[in-house]
């Protein structure tokens, strides 16, 4: 229980850090947008607003999914993470459409406006990059320590935010140095496309989990290899897997010597379960024993 409590505290700290960084960046980027009027800054502001919504959803999902199984939820509460991810997908797609449309409209202008007060925007984008790098470093540490896929996914999302932020710095610098106003809407459109791509990927993974799709082939092959080489196991069949949030559910039938005692059969099954959990610690494993 102590180890699990420590993991829960680590996951919670990553969620709180994510929400805090998003709030700081929203305030800073709002100020930068008023100073510059740059669409590239608006794109990163919208992304930060979505980051906040996603981080709040992730924090709620982490808290709820950590609840133990009960009579009404025999397989736990991990699907809350997947439901939150689907909602995040819709928010991101809507924001990407708005940013992309505004960028296209400004790009169609024969003389796109050159952003103002570029220095303020560049300073805020630099702050955004520094805070995002620090957050990603902590999230990856937590994900490695706990195996929490929500934290790992949130880390990848924030890592993807670095591209629009760096692009916004480039657009503001080029606008100030060369008066190239068209770069700003181009960066905004590019950021919108990246956001839409990420949203579709997140939504697809969440949908697959909710539809009980089998886990990736590499994990299935790894489980099969463990079962195939385990002492006392003469074969296996009917391996079924699915994912719910950060947890993988494994249902496996193994073939044992029917002449051995129930005690011996149980020991082989328990040993195999521990071997699978050693390789995949976030798994929930059920093993059925059949005679050869």
Protein backbone atom coordinates (compact mmCIF):
# COMPACT_ATOMS: atom_id res chain seq x y z
CA UNK A 1 0.00 0.00 0.00
CA UNK A 2 2.86 2.39 0.75
CA UNK A 3 4.32 1.96 -2.75
CA UNK A 4 0.95 2.54 -4.36
CA UNK A 5 0.37 5.62 -2.19
CA UNK A 6 3.74 6.97 -3.27
CA UNK A 7 2.85 6.40 -6.93
CA UNK A 8 -0.48 8.16 -6.48
CA UNK A 9 1.28 11.16 -4.92
CA UNK A 10 3.74 11.32 -7.82
CA UNK A 11 0.95 11.16 -10.40
CA UNK A 12 -1.00 13.82 -8.53
CA UNK A 13 2.07 16.09 -8.40
CA UNK A 14 2.48 15.78 -12.17
CA UNK A 15 -1.18 16.70 -12.69
CA UNK A 16 -0.98 19.73 -10.39
CA UNK A 17 2.25 20.89 -12.06
CA UNK A 18 0.59 20.62 -15.47
CA UNK A 19 -2.41 22.73 -14.38
CA UNK A 20 -0.15 25.33 -12.74
CA UNK A 21 2.06 25.74 -15.82
CA UNK A 22 -1.00 26.07 -18.07
CA UNK A 23 -2.45 28.84 -15.86
CA UNK A 24 0.83 30.79 -15.83
CA UNK A 25 1.21 30.51 -19.62
CA UNK A 26 -2.38 31.58 -20.29
CA UNK A 27 -1.88 34.76 -18.28
CA UNK A 28 1.47 35.52 -19.95
CA UNK A 29 0.21 34.82 -23.48
CA UNK A 30 -2.93 36.92 -22.98
CA UNK A 31 -0.68 39.85 -22.16
CA UNK A 32 1.55 39.08 -25.16
CA UNK A 33 -1.47 38.87 -27.48
CA UNK A 34 -2.69 42.31 -26.40
CA UNK A 35 0.80 43.66 -26.93
CA UNK A 36 1.44 42.12 -30.37
CA UNK A 37 -1.88 41.17 -31.96
CA UNK A 38 -0.03 38.23 -33.55
CA UNK A 39 -2.02 35.20 -34.70
CA UNK A 40 0.92 32.93 -33.96
CA UNK A 41 0.70 34.08 -30.33
CA UNK A 42 -3.08 33.56 -30.45
CA UNK A 43 -2.47 30.00 -31.66
CA UNK A 44 -0.20 29.22 -28.72
CA UNK A 45 -2.66 30.95 -26.34
CA UNK A 46 -5.48 28.74 -27.60
CA UNK A 47 -3.21 25.73 -27.24
CA UNK A 48 -2.43 26.72 -23.64
CA UNK A 49 -6.14 27.14 -22.91
CA UNK A 50 -6.70 23.66 -24.25
CA UNK A 51 -3.72 22.46 -22.25
CA UNK A 52 -5.49 23.73 -19.13
CA UNK A 53 -8.70 21.92 -20.03
CA UNK A 54 -6.77 18.77 -20.83
CA UNK A 55 -4.64 19.03 -17.70
CA UNK A 56 -7.73 19.49 -15.53
CA UNK A 57 -9.32 16.51 -17.23
CA UNK A 58 -6.16 14.48 -16.79
CA UNK A 59 -5.93 15.45 -13.12
CA UNK A 60 -9.55 14.45 -12.56
CA UNK A 61 -9.01 11.22 -14.49
CA UNK A 62 -5.85 10.39 -12.52
CA UNK A 63 -7.72 10.97 -9.25
CA UNK A 64 -10.80 9.00 -10.27
CA UNK A 65 -8.94 6.17 -12.03
CA UNK A 66 -6.79 5.62 -8.93
CA UNK A 67 -9.89 4.54 -7.00
CA UNK A 68 -9.87 0.79 -6.37
CA UNK A 69 -12.35 -1.57 -7.99
CA UNK A 70 -15.70 -1.86 -6.22
CA UNK A 71 -18.93 -3.83 -6.55
CA UNK A 72 -20.20 -1.59 -9.37
CA UNK A 73 -16.82 -1.29 -11.16
CA UNK A 74 -15.18 -4.69 -10.93
CA UNK A 75 -12.47 -3.72 -13.43
CA UNK A 76 -11.66 -0.39 -11.81
CA UNK A 77 -12.30 3.15 -13.01
CA UNK A 78 -9.62 3.53 -15.70
CA UNK A 79 -12.11 4.24 -18.51
CA UNK A 80 -12.52 7.73 -17.05
CA UNK A 81 -9.15 8.56 -18.59
CA UNK A 82 -10.33 7.47 -22.05
CA UNK A 83 -13.60 9.41 -21.78
CA UNK A 84 -11.62 12.52 -20.80
CA UNK A 85 -9.33 12.02 -23.79
CA UNK A 86 -12.29 11.94 -26.20
CA UNK A 87 -13.56 15.23 -24.78
CA UNK A 88 -10.08 16.73 -25.13
CA UNK A 89 -10.00 15.62 -28.76
CA UNK A 90 -13.17 17.55 -29.58
CA UNK A 91 -11.89 20.70 -27.84
CA UNK A 92 -8.61 20.59 -29.75
CA UNK A 93 -10.28 20.05 -33.13
CA UNK A 94 -12.61 23.01 -32.55
CA UNK A 95 -9.76 25.29 -31.56
CA UNK A 96 -7.64 24.16 -34.51
CA UNK A 97 -10.48 25.00 -36.89
CA UNK A 98 -10.84 28.51 -35.42
CA UNK A 99 -7.10 29.27 -35.50
CA UNK A 100 -6.65 27.81 -38.98
CA UNK A 101 -9.61 29.78 -40.33
CA UNK A 102 -8.36 33.04 -38.85
CA UNK A 103 -4.89 32.40 -40.26
CA UNK A 104 -6.26 31.69 -43.74
CA UNK A 105 -8.39 34.83 -43.62
CA UNK A 106 -5.44 37.00 -42.66
CA UNK A 107 -3.20 35.31 -45.22
CA UNK A 108 -5.74 36.15 -47.94
CA UNK A 109 -5.29 39.83 -47.06
CA UNK A 110 -3.10 41.43 -49.76
CA UNK A 111 -1.03 43.11 -47.06
CA UNK A 112 -1.12 41.06 -43.82
CA UNK A 113 -0.60 43.14 -40.73
CA UNK A 114 2.83 43.05 -39.15
CA UNK A 115 2.61 42.22 -35.41
CA UNK A 116 3.39 44.98 -32.91
CA UNK A 117 5.72 44.93 -29.90
CA UNK A 118 7.44 41.78 -31.11
CA UNK A 119 9.93 41.87 -28.23
CA UNK A 120 7.18 41.29 -25.67
CA UNK A 121 5.86 38.34 -27.63
CA UNK A 122 9.31 36.81 -28.01
CA UNK A 123 9.95 37.13 -24.27
CA UNK A 124 6.67 35.40 -23.40
CA UNK A 125 7.34 32.60 -25.92
CA UNK A 126 10.78 32.08 -24.39
CA UNK A 127 9.16 31.82 -20.94
CA UNK A 128 6.68 29.34 -22.39
CA UNK A 129 9.47 27.14 -23.77
CA UNK A 130 11.41 27.18 -20.48
CA UNK A 131 8.38 26.27 -18.35
CA UNK A 132 7.25 23.60 -20.80
CA UNK A 133 10.69 21.95 -20.83
CA UNK A 134 10.75 21.89 -17.02
CA UNK A 135 7.24 20.41 -16.87
CA UNK A 136 8.01 17.74 -19.48
CA UNK A 137 11.14 16.71 -17.58
CA UNK A 138 9.13 16.20 -14.37
CA UNK A 139 6.28 14.41 -16.14
CA UNK A 140 8.69 11.98 -17.80
CA UNK A 141 10.32 11.28 -14.44
CA UNK A 142 6.91 10.52 -12.95
CA UNK A 143 5.85 8.39 -15.94
CA UNK A 144 9.02 6.31 -15.65
CA UNK A 145 8.52 5.87 -11.90
CA UNK A 146 4.81 4.99 -11.97
CA UNK A 147 4.08 3.78 -15.50
CA UNK A 148 1.07 6.12 -15.67
CA UNK A 149 0.08 6.50 -19.33
CA UNK A 150 -2.02 9.62 -18.70
CA UNK A 151 1.03 11.47 -17.40
CA UNK A 152 3.12 10.13 -20.28
CA UNK A 153 0.52 11.26 -22.84
CA UNK A 154 0.26 14.70 -21.23
CA UNK A 155 4.05 14.94 -21.42
CA UNK A 156 4.00 14.18 -25.15
CA UNK A 157 1.28 16.76 -25.67
CA UNK A 158 3.28 19.49 -23.93
CA UNK A 159 6.39 18.46 -25.86
CA UNK A 160 4.40 19.03 -29.04
CA UNK A 161 3.55 22.54 -27.83
CA UNK A 162 7.19 23.50 -28.21
CA UNK A 163 6.88 23.53 -32.00
CA UNK A 164 4.21 26.29 -32.18
CA UNK A 165 6.08 28.28 -29.51
CA UNK A 166 9.36 28.14 -31.42
CA UNK A 167 7.44 28.92 -34.62
CA UNK A 168 5.85 31.96 -32.97
CA UNK A 169 9.30 33.27 -31.96
CA UNK A 170 10.49 32.83 -35.55
CA UNK A 171 7.43 34.61 -36.94
CA UNK A 172 7.75 37.54 -34.52
CA UNK A 173 11.48 37.90 -35.20
CA UNK A 174 11.02 37.79 -38.98
CA UNK A 175 8.18 40.32 -38.75
CA UNK A 176 10.36 42.71 -36.74
CA UNK A 177 13.52 42.18 -38.81
CA UNK A 178 12.14 41.99 -42.34
CA UNK A 179 8.52 43.19 -42.09
CA UNK A 180 7.20 39.85 -43.35
CA UNK A 181 3.64 39.89 -42.06
CA UNK A 182 2.63 36.72 -43.94
CA UNK A 183 4.84 34.51 -41.75
CA UNK A 184 2.57 35.02 -38.73
CA UNK A 185 -0.62 33.52 -40.30
CA UNK A 186 1.43 30.72 -41.90
CA UNK A 187 2.76 29.72 -38.46
CA UNK A 188 -0.78 29.91 -37.06
CA UNK A 189 -2.11 27.59 -39.79
CA UNK A 190 0.79 25.17 -39.23
CA UNK A 191 0.10 25.13 -35.50
CA UNK A 192 -3.60 24.45 -36.18
CA UNK A 193 -2.70 21.48 -38.39
CA UNK A 194 -0.40 20.08 -35.69
CA UNK A 195 -3.13 20.47 -33.08
CA UNK A 196 -5.66 18.69 -35.30
CA UNK A 197 -3.23 15.84 -35.97
CA UNK A 198 -2.57 15.38 -32.26
CA UNK A 199 -6.30 15.52 -31.47
CA UNK A 200 -7.10 12.78 -33.96
CA UNK A 201 -4.33 10.57 -32.54
CA UNK A 202 -5.54 11.08 -28.95
CA UNK A 203 -9.15 10.46 -29.97
CA UNK A 204 -8.27 7.29 -31.88
CA UNK A 205 -6.36 5.79 -28.94
CA UNK A 206 -9.18 6.65 -26.52
CA UNK A 207 -11.79 5.19 -28.87
CA UNK A 208 -9.80 1.97 -29.27
CA UNK A 209 -9.61 1.61 -25.47
CA UNK A 210 -13.33 2.21 -24.98
CA UNK A 211 -14.11 -0.32 -27.73
CA UNK A 212 -11.95 -2.95 -25.96
CA UNK A 213 -9.47 -3.20 -28.82
CA UNK A 214 -6.55 -5.53 -28.14
CA UNK A 215 -3.31 -3.92 -26.97
CA UNK A 216 -0.39 -3.44 -29.35
CA UNK A 217 1.15 -6.48 -31.04
CA UNK A 218 4.47 -6.00 -29.24
CA UNK A 219 2.84 -6.33 -25.81
CA UNK A 220 0.82 -9.37 -26.92
CA UNK A 221 3.99 -11.02 -28.26
CA UNK A 222 5.80 -10.26 -25.00
CA UNK A 223 3.07 -11.91 -22.91
CA UNK A 224 3.04 -14.94 -25.21
CA UNK A 225 6.83 -15.28 -24.94
CA UNK A 226 6.66 -15.25 -21.13
CA UNK A 227 3.93 -17.91 -21.09
CA UNK A 228 5.64 -20.05 -23.71
CA UNK A 229 8.92 -20.21 -21.82
CA UNK A 230 7.55 -20.58 -18.29
CA UNK A 231 8.41 -23.86 -16.47
CA UNK A 232 5.47 -26.25 -16.19
CA UNK A 233 3.41 -24.55 -18.93
CA UNK A 234 2.92 -26.94 -21.87
CA UNK A 235 1.04 -24.44 -24.00
CA UNK A 236 -1.39 -21.54 -23.97
CA UNK A 237 -4.45 -20.36 -25.87
CA UNK A 238 -7.27 -17.79 -25.86
CA UNK A 239 -5.05 -14.84 -24.92
CA UNK A 240 -7.29 -11.78 -24.75
CA UNK A 241 -6.19 -8.25 -23.91
CA UNK A 242 -7.71 -4.82 -23.65
CA UNK A 243 -6.73 -1.46 -22.25
CA UNK A 244 -8.60 0.81 -19.85
CA UNK A 245 -6.85 4.08 -19.10
CA UNK A 246 -3.34 3.21 -18.04
CA UNK A 247 -4.13 -0.40 -17.16
CA UNK A 248 -3.84 -3.46 -19.41
CA UNK A 249 -6.20 -6.37 -18.75
CA UNK A 250 -4.87 -9.81 -19.65
CA UNK A 251 -6.95 -13.00 -19.81
CA UNK A 252 -4.91 -16.13 -20.58
CA UNK A 253 -5.55 -19.89 -20.66
CA UNK A 254 -2.54 -22.11 -19.94
CA UNK A 255 -2.20 -25.87 -20.44
CA UNK A 256 -0.77 -27.87 -17.53
CA UNK A 257 -0.11 -31.50 -16.66
CA UNK A 258 -3.48 -32.80 -15.52
CA UNK A 259 -1.88 -35.43 -13.26
CA UNK A 260 -0.24 -32.89 -10.96
CA UNK A 261 -1.85 -31.65 -7.76
CA UNK A 262 -4.04 -28.55 -7.56
CA UNK A 263 -1.39 -27.02 -5.31
CA UNK A 264 1.28 -27.47 -7.98
CA UNK A 265 -0.98 -26.11 -10.72
CA UNK A 266 -1.81 -23.09 -8.63
CA UNK A 267 1.89 -22.42 -7.97
CA UNK A 268 2.65 -22.48 -11.71
CA UNK A 269 -0.22 -20.09 -12.45
CA UNK A 270 0.81 -17.71 -9.66
CA UNK A 271 4.42 -17.77 -10.80
CA UNK A 272 3.43 -16.99 -14.39
CA UNK A 273 1.22 -14.13 -13.21
CA UNK A 274 4.11 -12.62 -11.24
CA UNK A 275 6.40 -12.99 -14.26
CA UNK A 276 3.92 -11.09 -16.46
CA UNK A 277 3.48 -8.39 -13.81
CA UNK A 278 7.26 -8.02 -13.50
CA UNK A 279 7.37 -7.18 -17.22
CA UNK A 280 4.10 -5.21 -17.32
CA UNK A 281 3.55 -3.82 -13.78
CA UNK A 282 0.35 -1.93 -14.70
CA UNK A 283 -1.38 -5.10 -15.93
CA UNK A 284 -4.35 -6.90 -14.39
CA UNK A 285 -3.82 -10.60 -15.10
CA UNK A 286 -6.31 -13.49 -14.92
CA UNK A 287 -4.97 -16.96 -15.71
CA UNK A 288 -7.18 -20.00 -16.36
CA UNK A 289 -5.64 -23.46 -15.98
CA UNK A 290 -6.58 -26.28 -18.36
CA UNK A 291 -5.21 -29.83 -18.61
CA UNK A 292 -3.01 -30.55 -21.64
